[in-house]
Protein backbone atom coordinates (compact mmCIF):
# COMPACT_ATOMS: atom_id res chain seq x y z
CA MET A 1 0.00 0.00 0.00
CA SER A 2 1.23 3.42 -0.77
CA SER A 3 2.82 5.04 2.26
CA THR A 4 1.48 8.34 3.53
CA HIS A 5 3.26 11.39 4.91
CA PRO A 6 1.88 14.10 7.19
CA PRO A 7 1.04 17.30 5.28
CA ALA A 8 3.91 19.75 4.99
CA LEU A 9 3.61 23.14 6.67
CA ASP A 10 2.83 24.81 3.35
CA ASP A 11 0.30 22.16 2.27
CA PRO A 12 -3.35 23.23 2.23
CA ARG A 13 -5.60 22.01 5.03
CA GLU A 14 -8.56 21.64 2.67
CA ILE A 15 -9.17 21.70 -1.06
CA GLY A 16 -12.59 22.09 -2.62
CA GLY A 17 -14.22 21.50 0.75
CA TYR A 18 -12.33 18.24 1.35
CA ARG A 19 -10.22 17.93 4.49
CA ILE A 20 -6.57 17.07 3.71
CA GLN A 21 -5.22 14.37 5.97
CA ALA A 22 -1.91 13.22 4.48
CA ARG A 23 0.34 13.26 1.46
CA LEU A 24 0.20 10.16 -0.71
CA GLY A 25 2.88 11.29 -3.15
CA ALA A 26 4.02 13.88 -5.66
CA GLY A 27 4.89 13.80 -9.35
CA GLY A 28 5.35 15.87 -12.46
CA MET A 29 1.72 16.99 -12.50
CA GLY A 30 1.27 17.87 -8.85
CA VAL A 31 0.75 16.54 -5.32
CA VAL A 32 -1.64 13.74 -4.36
CA TYR A 33 -3.29 13.93 -0.94
CA LEU A 34 -5.39 11.60 1.15
CA ALA A 35 -8.58 13.51 1.93
CA HIS A 36 -12.05 12.73 3.21
CA THR A 37 -15.53 13.54 2.03
CA PRO A 38 -17.84 15.31 4.50
CA GLY A 39 -19.35 11.90 5.24
CA GLY A 40 -15.95 10.44 6.10
CA ARG A 41 -15.11 8.39 2.98
CA PRO A 42 -11.41 8.53 1.98
CA ILE A 43 -10.49 9.91 -1.45
CA ALA A 44 -7.28 10.58 -3.37
CA LEU A 45 -7.10 14.26 -4.32
CA LYS A 46 -4.55 15.48 -6.88
CA ALA A 47 -3.73 19.20 -6.82
CA VAL A 48 -2.09 20.48 -10.01
CA ARG A 49 1.29 22.22 -9.92
CA GLU A 50 1.13 26.00 -9.74
CA ASP A 51 3.05 26.50 -12.99
CA PHE A 52 0.51 24.35 -14.82
CA ALA A 53 -2.34 26.18 -13.09
CA ALA A 54 -1.01 29.48 -14.48
CA ASP A 55 -1.09 28.24 -18.08
CA PRO A 56 -4.45 29.02 -19.81
CA GLU A 57 -4.03 26.27 -22.42
CA PHE A 58 -3.37 23.68 -19.74
CA ARG A 59 -6.44 24.75 -17.79
CA ARG A 60 -8.61 24.42 -20.90
CA ARG A 61 -7.27 20.98 -21.72
CA PHE A 62 -7.45 19.90 -18.07
CA ALA A 63 -11.14 20.80 -17.92
CA GLN A 64 -11.77 18.76 -21.09
CA GLU A 65 -9.87 15.74 -19.82
CA VAL A 66 -11.51 15.80 -16.37
CA ALA A 67 -14.94 15.97 -18.00
CA ALA A 68 -14.06 12.94 -20.13
CA ALA A 69 -12.55 11.04 -17.18
CA SER A 70 -15.73 11.64 -15.18
CA ARG A 71 -17.61 9.57 -17.77
CA ILE A 72 -15.43 6.50 -17.12
CA HIS A 73 -17.26 3.88 -15.10
CA GLY A 74 -15.05 0.80 -15.08
CA LEU A 75 -14.79 -1.76 -12.29
CA PHE A 76 -11.01 -1.73 -12.70
CA THR A 77 -10.58 2.05 -12.62
CA ALA A 78 -10.48 4.47 -9.72
CA GLN A 79 -13.73 6.39 -10.18
CA VAL A 80 -13.58 10.19 -10.47
CA VAL A 81 -15.47 11.62 -7.49
CA ASP A 82 -15.20 15.39 -7.96
CA HIS A 83 -13.02 18.06 -9.51
CA GLY A 84 -12.25 21.74 -9.41
CA ALA A 85 -11.09 22.44 -12.96
CA ASP A 86 -11.94 26.14 -12.60
CA ASP A 87 -10.43 26.67 -9.16
CA PRO A 88 -7.28 28.84 -8.78
CA VAL A 89 -5.35 25.57 -8.34
CA PRO A 90 -7.15 22.88 -10.37
CA TRP A 91 -7.69 19.55 -8.66
CA LEU A 92 -9.19 16.12 -9.24
CA ALA A 93 -10.55 13.68 -6.65
CA THR A 94 -10.90 9.93 -7.24
CA ALA A 95 -11.85 6.95 -5.12
CA TYR A 96 -9.08 6.00 -2.71
CA VAL A 97 -7.63 2.51 -3.18
CA PRO A 98 -5.70 1.61 0.02
CA GLY A 99 -3.40 -0.89 -1.66
CA PRO A 100 0.16 -0.92 -3.05
CA SER A 101 0.97 0.00 -6.62
CA LEU A 102 2.04 -2.75 -8.97
CA GLN A 103 5.46 -1.09 -9.02
CA GLN A 104 5.75 -1.49 -5.24
CA VAL A 105 4.57 -5.11 -5.40
CA VAL A 106 7.28 -6.11 -7.89
CA GLU A 107 9.97 -4.16 -6.04
CA ARG A 108 9.07 -5.90 -2.77
CA HIS A 109 8.24 -9.40 -3.99
CA GLY A 110 9.88 -9.81 -7.40
CA PRO A 111 8.28 -11.12 -10.60
CA LEU A 112 4.74 -12.45 -10.28
CA PRO A 113 3.47 -15.88 -11.41
CA VAL A 114 2.12 -16.39 -14.92
CA ARG A 115 -1.49 -16.79 -13.74
CA THR A 116 -1.31 -13.54 -11.76
CA VAL A 117 0.18 -11.70 -14.73
CA LEU A 118 -2.54 -12.96 -17.08
CA LEU A 119 -5.30 -11.94 -14.70
CA LEU A 120 -3.71 -8.51 -14.35
CA VAL A 121 -3.58 -8.20 -18.15
CA ALA A 122 -7.28 -9.08 -18.36
CA GLY A 123 -8.28 -6.66 -15.60
CA ILE A 124 -6.19 -3.77 -16.94
CA ALA A 125 -7.44 -4.45 -20.48
CA GLU A 126 -11.01 -4.19 -19.18
CA ALA A 127 -10.08 -0.88 -17.55
CA LEU A 128 -8.71 0.30 -20.91
CA GLN A 129 -12.00 -0.63 -22.57
CA ALA A 130 -13.86 1.67 -20.17
CA ILE A 131 -11.30 4.43 -20.63
CA HIS A 132 -11.34 4.21 -24.42
CA ARG A 133 -15.14 4.12 -24.55
CA ALA A 134 -15.11 7.57 -22.94
CA GLY A 135 -12.85 8.84 -25.73
CA VAL A 136 -9.79 8.95 -23.47
CA VAL A 137 -6.31 7.54 -24.07
CA HIS A 138 -4.39 6.93 -20.84
CA ARG A 139 -0.96 7.87 -22.28
CA ASP A 140 0.94 7.00 -19.08
CA LEU A 141 -0.01 3.42 -18.23
CA LYS A 142 2.76 1.96 -16.05
CA PRO A 143 3.06 -0.18 -12.88
CA ALA A 144 3.04 2.92 -10.65
CA ASN A 145 -0.39 3.84 -12.08
CA VAL A 146 -1.97 0.47 -11.29
CA LEU A 147 -3.04 -0.16 -7.70
CA ILE A 148 -3.66 -3.65 -6.36
CA ALA A 149 -6.78 -4.55 -4.39
CA GLU A 150 -8.05 -7.93 -3.23
CA ASP A 151 -10.55 -8.07 -6.09
CA GLY A 152 -8.19 -7.01 -8.87
CA PRO A 153 -6.22 -4.05 -10.22
CA ARG A 154 -7.31 -0.41 -10.35
CA VAL A 155 -5.98 1.89 -13.08
CA ILE A 156 -5.46 5.49 -11.99
CA ASP A 157 -4.43 8.81 -13.61
CA PHE A 158 -6.15 8.03 -16.90
CA GLY A 159 -5.96 10.69 -19.59
CA ILE A 160 -4.82 13.56 -17.39
CA ALA A 161 -1.31 13.62 -18.90
CA ARG A 162 -2.82 14.78 -22.20
CA ALA A 163 -3.73 18.13 -20.68
CA ALA A 164 -0.05 19.04 -20.37
CA ASP A 165 0.99 17.81 -23.79
CA ALA A 166 -0.13 20.93 -25.67
CA THR A 167 1.44 23.46 -23.30
CA GLY A 168 4.81 25.14 -23.49
CA LEU A 169 5.65 23.67 -20.09
CA THR A 170 6.45 20.26 -21.59
CA GLY A 171 9.52 21.73 -23.23
CA THR A 172 11.13 22.69 -19.92
CA GLY A 173 12.21 19.24 -18.80
CA LEU A 174 8.85 17.75 -17.82
CA ALA A 175 8.29 14.41 -19.54
CA ILE A 176 4.70 13.46 -20.23
CA GLY A 177 4.58 9.71 -20.14
CA THR A 178 7.30 7.31 -19.00
CA ALA A 179 9.99 6.35 -21.52
CA ALA A 180 10.15 2.67 -20.56
CA TYR A 181 6.43 2.21 -21.33
CA MET A 182 5.96 4.63 -24.25
CA ALA A 183 4.84 3.28 -27.61
CA PRO A 184 6.99 4.16 -30.65
CA GLU A 185 4.42 6.61 -32.02
CA GLN A 186 4.29 8.38 -28.66
CA ALA A 187 8.08 8.55 -28.44
CA LEU A 188 8.19 10.08 -31.94
CA GLY A 189 5.57 12.71 -31.09
CA LEU A 190 2.97 11.20 -33.45
CA ALA A 191 -0.74 10.80 -32.78
CA VAL A 192 -1.63 8.43 -29.96
CA THR A 193 -4.57 6.02 -30.04
CA SER A 194 -5.99 3.24 -27.92
CA ALA A 195 -3.25 1.01 -29.38
CA THR A 196 -0.71 3.21 -27.57
CA ASP A 197 -2.12 2.03 -24.26
CA VAL A 198 -1.97 -1.61 -25.43
CA PHE A 199 1.78 -1.21 -26.07
CA ALA A 200 2.20 0.20 -22.56
CA LEU A 201 0.23 -2.76 -21.14
CA GLY A 202 2.58 -5.15 -22.92
CA ALA A 203 5.62 -3.40 -21.45
CA LEU A 204 3.97 -3.37 -18.02
CA ALA A 205 3.20 -7.11 -18.22
CA ALA A 206 6.77 -7.88 -19.31
CA TYR A 207 8.13 -6.01 -16.31
CA VAL A 208 5.72 -7.69 -13.89
CA ALA A 209 6.45 -11.18 -15.27
CA GLY A 210 10.23 -10.81 -15.59
CA GLY A 211 11.18 -8.15 -13.07
CA ALA A 212 13.09 -6.16 -15.73
CA LEU A 213 12.14 -3.37 -18.13
CA PRO A 214 11.70 -4.76 -21.66
CA PHE A 215 13.61 -1.83 -23.20
CA GLY A 216 16.29 -1.61 -20.55
CA THR A 217 17.39 1.08 -18.14
CA GLY A 218 19.72 4.04 -18.43
CA PRO A 219 19.14 7.49 -19.91
CA GLU A 220 15.65 8.24 -21.14
CA SER A 221 16.93 9.01 -24.65
CA ALA A 222 18.50 5.53 -24.88
CA ALA A 223 15.27 3.86 -23.72
CA LEU A 224 13.25 5.82 -26.27
CA TYR A 225 15.65 4.81 -29.05
CA ARG A 226 15.24 1.14 -28.15
CA VAL A 227 11.45 1.54 -27.98
CA VAL A 228 11.41 2.86 -31.55
CA HIS A 229 14.15 0.75 -33.18
CA GLU A 230 14.85 -2.42 -31.20
CA PRO A 231 12.76 -5.46 -30.19
CA ALA A 232 11.71 -5.87 -26.59
CA ASP A 233 13.99 -7.99 -24.41
CA LEU A 234 11.74 -10.73 -23.02
CA SER A 235 14.55 -13.04 -21.93
CA ARG A 236 13.42 -12.95 -18.28
CA VAL A 237 9.74 -13.42 -19.10
CA PRO A 238 8.31 -16.97 -19.05
CA VAL A 239 8.32 -18.30 -22.62
CA GLU A 240 4.59 -19.07 -22.57
CA LEU A 241 3.86 -15.33 -22.35
CA HIS A 242 6.08 -14.33 -25.27
CA PRO A 243 3.52 -14.61 -28.10
CA LEU A 244 0.94 -12.44 -26.33
CA LEU A 245 3.41 -9.79 -25.21
CA GLN A 246 5.18 -9.65 -28.57
CA ARG A 247 1.84 -8.79 -30.19
CA CYS A 248 1.26 -6.01 -27.65
CA LEU A 249 4.76 -4.66 -28.26
CA ALA A 250 4.50 -4.54 -32.05
CA LYS A 251 6.07 -1.37 -33.45
CA ARG A 252 3.08 -0.68 -35.73
CA PRO A 253 -0.11 0.25 -33.83
CA GLU A 254 -2.40 -1.62 -36.22
CA GLU A 255 -0.60 -4.89 -35.45
CA ARG A 256 -1.41 -4.78 -31.74
CA PRO A 257 -4.42 -6.64 -30.33
CA ALA A 258 -7.48 -4.80 -29.05
CA PRO A 259 -8.19 -4.96 -25.28
CA ALA A 260 -11.03 -7.45 -25.93
CA GLU A 261 -8.57 -9.80 -27.63
CA LEU A 262 -6.21 -9.54 -24.66
CA ILE A 263 -9.01 -10.46 -22.27
CA ALA A 264 -9.98 -13.47 -24.39
CA ALA A 265 -6.35 -14.62 -24.72
CA ALA A 266 -5.72 -14.33 -20.97
CA HIS A 267 -8.86 -16.27 -20.11
CA ALA A 268 -8.06 -18.99 -22.67
CA HIS A 269 -4.59 -19.63 -21.26
CA PRO A 270 -4.23 -22.97 -19.39
CA ALA A 271 -2.68 -21.17 -16.40
CA VAL A 272 -5.95 -19.32 -15.85
CA GLY A 273 -8.27 -22.22 -16.61
CA PRO A 274 -12.01 -22.22 -16.14
CA ALA A 275 -12.03 -19.66 -13.28
CA PRO A 276 -10.67 -16.35 -14.59
CA GLU A 277 -11.99 -14.40 -11.61
CA PHE A 278 -10.08 -12.44 -9.00
CA THR A 279 -10.84 -14.91 -6.25
CA GLU A 280 -8.79 -16.38 -3.41
CA GLY A 281 -5.34 -17.37 -4.65
CA TRP A 282 -5.01 -15.04 -7.63
CA LEU A 283 -2.17 -13.27 -5.84
CA PRO A 284 0.86 -14.91 -4.18
CA GLY A 285 0.35 -15.27 -0.44
CA ALA A 286 3.02 -12.73 0.49
CA VAL A 287 1.38 -10.09 -1.69
CA ARG A 288 -2.13 -10.89 -0.50
CA ARG A 289 -1.09 -10.53 3.14
CA GLU A 290 0.11 -7.02 2.37
CA LEU A 291 -3.31 -5.88 1.19
CA PRO A 292 -5.84 -4.26 3.52
CA ALA A 293 -9.03 -6.25 3.88
CA SER A 294 -12.09 -4.88 2.13
CA PRO A 295 -14.84 -3.72 4.51
CA GLY A 296 -17.06 -6.65 5.32
CA THR A 297 -14.45 -9.23 4.30
CA PRO A 298 -13.93 -11.74 7.12
CA SER A 299 -10.37 -12.27 8.24
CA PRO A 300 -8.91 -15.68 7.39
CA SER A 301 -9.53 -18.20 10.13
CA ILE A 302 -7.08 -20.77 11.45
CA HIS A 303 -8.62 -23.25 9.02
CA ASP A 304 -7.55 -21.10 6.05
CA ARG A 305 -3.88 -21.34 6.96
CA PRO A 306 -1.53 -24.10 5.77
CA THR A 307 -1.50 -27.24 7.95
CA TYR A 308 1.95 -28.76 8.27
CA ALA A 309 1.07 -31.97 10.11
CA ALA A 310 -1.70 -33.22 12.34
CA ALA A 311 -1.00 -33.99 16.00
CA ALA A 312 -3.02 -35.34 18.86
CA VAL A 313 -2.67 -32.29 21.07
CA PRO A 314 -5.43 -31.40 23.51
CA VAL A 315 -7.41 -28.31 22.56
CA PRO A 316 -7.33 -25.76 25.37
CA THR A 317 -10.64 -24.68 26.78
CA GLN A 318 -11.63 -21.06 26.57
CA ARG A 319 -10.50 -19.04 29.54
CA VAL A 320 -13.17 -16.92 31.17
CA PRO A 321 -11.53 -14.18 33.23
CA GLU A 322 -12.74 -13.44 36.71
CA PRO A 323 -14.79 -10.25 36.97
CA ARG A 324 -12.89 -7.26 38.31
CA PRO A 325 -14.19 -4.30 40.23
CA GLY A 326 -16.13 -2.08 37.89
CA ASP A 327 -16.33 -4.80 35.23
CA ASP A 328 -20.02 -4.94 34.33
CA ARG A 329 -19.68 -7.92 32.03
CA PRO A 330 -21.56 -11.05 33.11
CA VAL A 331 -19.22 -13.99 33.77
CA GLY A 332 -19.02 -16.04 30.58
CA GLY A 333 -20.92 -13.41 28.60
CA PRO A 334 -19.80 -11.53 25.53
CA PRO A 335 -17.23 -8.77 25.83
CA VAL A 336 -18.48 -5.33 26.70
CA ARG A 337 -16.90 -2.74 24.40
CA ARG A 338 -15.83 0.49 26.02
CA GLY A 339 -14.93 2.93 23.28
CA ARG A 340 -12.11 1.40 21.26
CA ARG A 341 -10.59 -0.63 24.09
CA ARG A 342 -12.00 -4.11 24.11
CA ARG A 343 -11.40 -7.24 26.08
CA GLY A 344 -9.78 -9.74 23.75
CA ARG A 345 -11.07 -13.25 23.27
CA THR A 346 -8.82 -16.27 23.79
CA ALA A 347 -8.92 -18.22 20.55
CA LEU A 348 -9.67 -21.93 20.40
CA ILE A 349 -6.75 -23.17 18.36
CA ALA A 350 -6.28 -26.76 17.26
CA GLY A 351 -2.71 -27.97 17.85
CA VAL A 352 -0.28 -28.71 15.09
CA ALA A 353 2.89 -30.78 15.22
CA ALA A 354 6.07 -28.90 16.00
CA VAL A 355 7.90 -28.22 12.75
CA THR A 356 11.27 -26.56 12.23
CA VAL A 357 11.30 -24.01 9.43
CA LEU A 358 14.19 -21.73 8.53
CA ALA A 359 13.41 -18.06 8.28
CA ALA A 360 13.89 -16.57 4.85
CA ALA A 361 16.12 -13.85 6.27
CA GLY A 362 19.28 -15.67 7.32
CA GLY A 363 17.66 -19.05 8.08
CA VAL A 364 17.11 -18.24 11.76
CA VAL A 365 14.86 -20.36 13.97
CA TYR A 366 14.02 -18.99 17.42
CA HIS A 367 13.65 -21.61 20.18
CA LEU A 368 11.64 -20.27 23.07
CA ASP A 369 9.49 -21.19 25.99
CA GLY A 370 7.28 -18.94 28.09
CA THR A 371 10.26 -17.38 29.86
CA GLY A 372 12.35 -16.70 26.79
CA THR A 373 14.87 -19.51 27.32
CA ALA A 374 15.76 -22.28 24.89
CA SER A 375 13.23 -25.11 24.69
CA GLY A 376 11.81 -27.66 22.28
CA SER A 377 9.41 -25.17 20.68
CA SER A 378 10.24 -22.63 18.01
CA TYR A 379 8.94 -19.47 16.39
CA THR A 380 8.47 -19.65 12.63
CA PRO A 381 8.32 -16.42 10.65
CA GLY A 382 4.94 -15.57 9.14
CA TYR A 383 4.60 -12.36 7.16
CA ALA A 384 7.77 -10.27 7.15
CA ASP A 385 8.37 -6.50 7.28
CA ILE A 386 5.14 -5.40 5.64
CA GLU A 387 4.34 -1.70 5.77
CA LEU A 388 0.71 -0.76 6.40
CA THR A 389 -1.09 2.57 6.77
CA ALA A 390 -4.32 3.18 8.66
CA PRO A 391 -5.86 6.44 7.36
CA ASP A 392 -7.49 7.29 10.69
CA ASP A 393 -8.82 5.75 13.89
CA THR A 394 -11.76 4.16 12.06
CA TYR A 395 -9.25 1.52 10.90
CA GLU A 396 -7.00 -0.83 12.85
CA PHE A 397 -4.16 -3.26 12.11
CA ASP A 398 -5.18 -6.93 12.17
CA LEU A 399 -2.02 -8.52 13.56
CA GLY A 400 -3.22 -12.02 12.70
CA THR A 401 -3.47 -11.42 8.96
CA GLY A 402 -1.20 -8.42 8.54
CA LYS A 403 -3.89 -6.20 7.05
CA VAL A 404 -5.65 -2.90 7.65
CA VAL A 405 -9.28 -3.56 8.56
CA PRO A 406 -12.22 -1.46 9.76
CA ALA A 407 -12.18 -0.74 13.50
CA GLU A 408 -13.86 -3.25 15.82
CA THR A 409 -13.11 -6.07 13.35
CA ALA A 410 -10.04 -8.00 14.48
CA ASP A 411 -9.55 -10.09 17.64
CA TRP A 412 -5.78 -9.47 17.82
CA TYR A 413 -5.23 -5.89 16.76
CA LEU A 414 -3.19 -2.72 17.04
CA ALA A 415 -5.63 0.18 17.15
CA ARG A 416 -5.17 3.95 17.33
CA GLU A 417 -6.72 6.04 20.07
CA LYS A 418 -5.57 9.67 20.13
CA GLY A 419 -1.86 9.63 20.97
CA ALA A 420 -1.33 5.93 21.63
CA PHE A 421 -1.78 2.44 20.27
CA VAL A 422 -4.46 0.32 21.91
CA LEU A 423 -4.32 -3.48 22.32
CA PRO A 424 -6.73 -6.19 23.43
CA GLU A 425 -6.55 -6.29 27.21
CA GLU A 426 -5.36 -9.91 27.19
CA ALA A 427 -2.50 -9.18 24.78
CA ASP A 428 0.99 -8.40 26.08
CA ALA A 429 3.48 -5.84 24.77
CA PHE A 430 7.09 -4.80 25.24
CA VAL A 431 9.10 -1.81 23.96
CA ALA A 432 12.79 -2.37 23.19
CA SER A 433 15.39 -0.16 24.78
CA GLY A 434 17.53 -0.24 21.63
CA TYR A 435 16.89 -0.64 17.91
CA VAL A 436 17.12 -4.43 17.59
CA LEU A 437 14.38 -6.76 18.79
CA SER A 438 14.16 -10.52 18.23
CA PRO A 439 11.35 -12.87 19.27
CA ARG A 440 13.62 -14.11 22.11
CA ASP A 441 14.06 -10.53 23.33
CA CYS A 442 10.32 -9.98 23.03
CA GLU A 443 9.44 -13.02 25.13
CA ARG A 444 11.97 -12.08 27.79
CA GLY A 445 10.80 -8.46 27.81
CA ILE A 446 7.14 -9.37 28.14
CA GLU A 447 7.92 -11.58 31.12
CA THR A 448 10.10 -9.00 32.88
CA GLU A 449 9.05 -5.53 31.62
CA PRO A 450 5.57 -5.73 30.11
CA VAL A 451 3.83 -2.52 29.09
CA THR A 452 0.15 -1.77 28.83
CA SER A 453 0.48 1.60 27.08
CA LEU A 454 2.14 2.38 23.74
CA PRO A 455 2.25 6.20 23.35
CA LEU A 456 3.23 7.23 19.84
CA ASP A 457 5.71 9.75 21.24
CA ASP A 458 7.69 6.88 22.78
CA LEU A 459 7.83 5.08 19.42
CA ALA A 460 8.50 8.07 17.14
CA ASP A 461 12.18 7.24 16.63
CA GLU A 462 11.21 3.84 15.11
CA ARG A 463 12.19 2.03 18.29
CA PRO A 464 10.82 -1.51 17.83
CA PHE A 465 8.11 -2.93 20.03
CA CYS A 466 6.31 -6.25 20.07
CA VAL A 467 2.85 -7.55 20.79
CA ARG A 468 2.03 -11.10 21.90
CA SER A 469 -1.34 -12.56 20.99
CA PRO A 470 -3.85 -13.34 23.77
CA ASP A 471 -3.26 -17.09 23.27
CA ALA A 472 0.54 -16.54 23.61
CA ARG A 473 1.13 -18.47 20.37
CA ARG A 474 2.12 -15.59 18.09
CA LEU A 475 4.26 -12.47 18.22
CA VAL A 476 4.40 -9.39 16.06
CA ILE A 477 7.47 -7.16 16.08
CA ALA A 478 6.57 -3.67 14.93
CA ARG A 479 8.02 -0.23 14.17
CA LEU A 480 6.18 3.05 13.94
CA VAL A 481 7.20 4.39 10.53
CA GLU A 482 5.06 7.53 10.46
CA GLY A 483 2.43 8.99 12.72
CA ALA A 484 1.92 11.58 15.38
CA PRO A 485 -0.53 12.21 18.22
CA GLY A 486 -3.84 13.34 16.80
CA GLU A 487 -6.23 11.97 14.23
CA GLY A 488 -3.99 11.64 11.17
CA PRO A 489 -2.81 8.49 9.41
CA VAL A 490 -0.32 6.14 11.00
CA THR A 491 2.10 3.77 9.24
CA VAL A 492 3.72 0.73 10.84
CA ALA A 493 6.06 -2.04 9.69
CA LEU A 494 5.11 -5.48 11.01
CA SER A 495 6.72 -8.94 11.14
CA GLN A 496 4.88 -11.93 12.59
CA TYR A 497 6.23 -15.08 14.24
CA ARG A 498 4.21 -18.21 15.12
CA LYS A 499 5.06 -20.56 17.96
CA ASP A 500 5.13 -24.14 16.65
CA GLY A 501 5.89 -26.15 19.77
């Protein structure tokens, strides 16, 4: 998911009546903010650069392009919500997709499997159909402009680059489009058509499947020369994808397939089979765990996780805590929620056989017992160093699945309440005194120096802390990446460990 940054001192506090909450990024066209509608729904709001805003021709073209983009209603596009084409600083608001870009996914996880690539091609091609039906050509389709959600890709920034093409500002060093994904006709300054976007989709798919740009790296001029004069390098792309991608990357626009043909070809491929939908398993597990859960989507249960081996281990009974003074919950009754602090539930977890697994990072296995000393049990890494952002305190981090979920959803969670993180009352936590924290250190710290409060001020220097699940079978080691006391977004990096013994 794209990381967020607190607004700079000179950033606006509201645009077009929308409250600015954080910066999502900045580019050649302007700054993108995380904002909220009056009803509280998050949106991505792009404010145009001031030098563009001062150019009358840009403003005219921007108004035309925004009007066209507002007519796009594709399931795989980020819907335009509102715009201020006539405001002193023009802006455009679209639906907020709280997931990583395809560029970030490949950088973090490497090339994606053939089936995933084909499904992405089909979804993005369907987005192009909706874009082209509105009379718009994207002109800057690239992995950074495709966001990943649980139910498929979302194409963003469609058509807006065209508004800058006719202005004198493009001659001052601002490139419209990205050289590595430009079609030959675009690189030569010729007319662009829907086939231009198909070329970009072919280059995007080659990068996603092989982890390398099909026309190489280096100076932009060299990349553009190769785009126009040399064949794409698909040596790192699985051979079974070559025929489809070579058609997309044809030098002549009329030789490229239409988006409908791409969809049919992707669905007909044996790797996709009879179920070409974006259902469970379309993404690799490591990527899926990085995505925030969609509202209303249940978190995976213990039965959804891989089973290594069965074992005849007694199932613990649920622990019912004794009532405490002031606790108005009936013994054995459901938890009583007080604001955002809730009493956690002890999970009923079926045992699994102890299994020794080497961690991906350095092959480390942590052997621990309840006191942090060596024993016959071990902690196996689960998800590793994923970075998640909760836009505000209506979301929380589900530590079990490594996702951002709506508040009051997860059993084992890290929630935000004003200037501190909030945990289930039956979970334990520990804050490291230095900048290195292992599961062994976490266990020892929880037994000797447990904490019940996690003020953000104490974690602002990225000092690691850990949280143990209420059943004492899992740990998460965390760092506060960005966030400050108040109501703004907060970003954390999380790594999970499961106790096998």
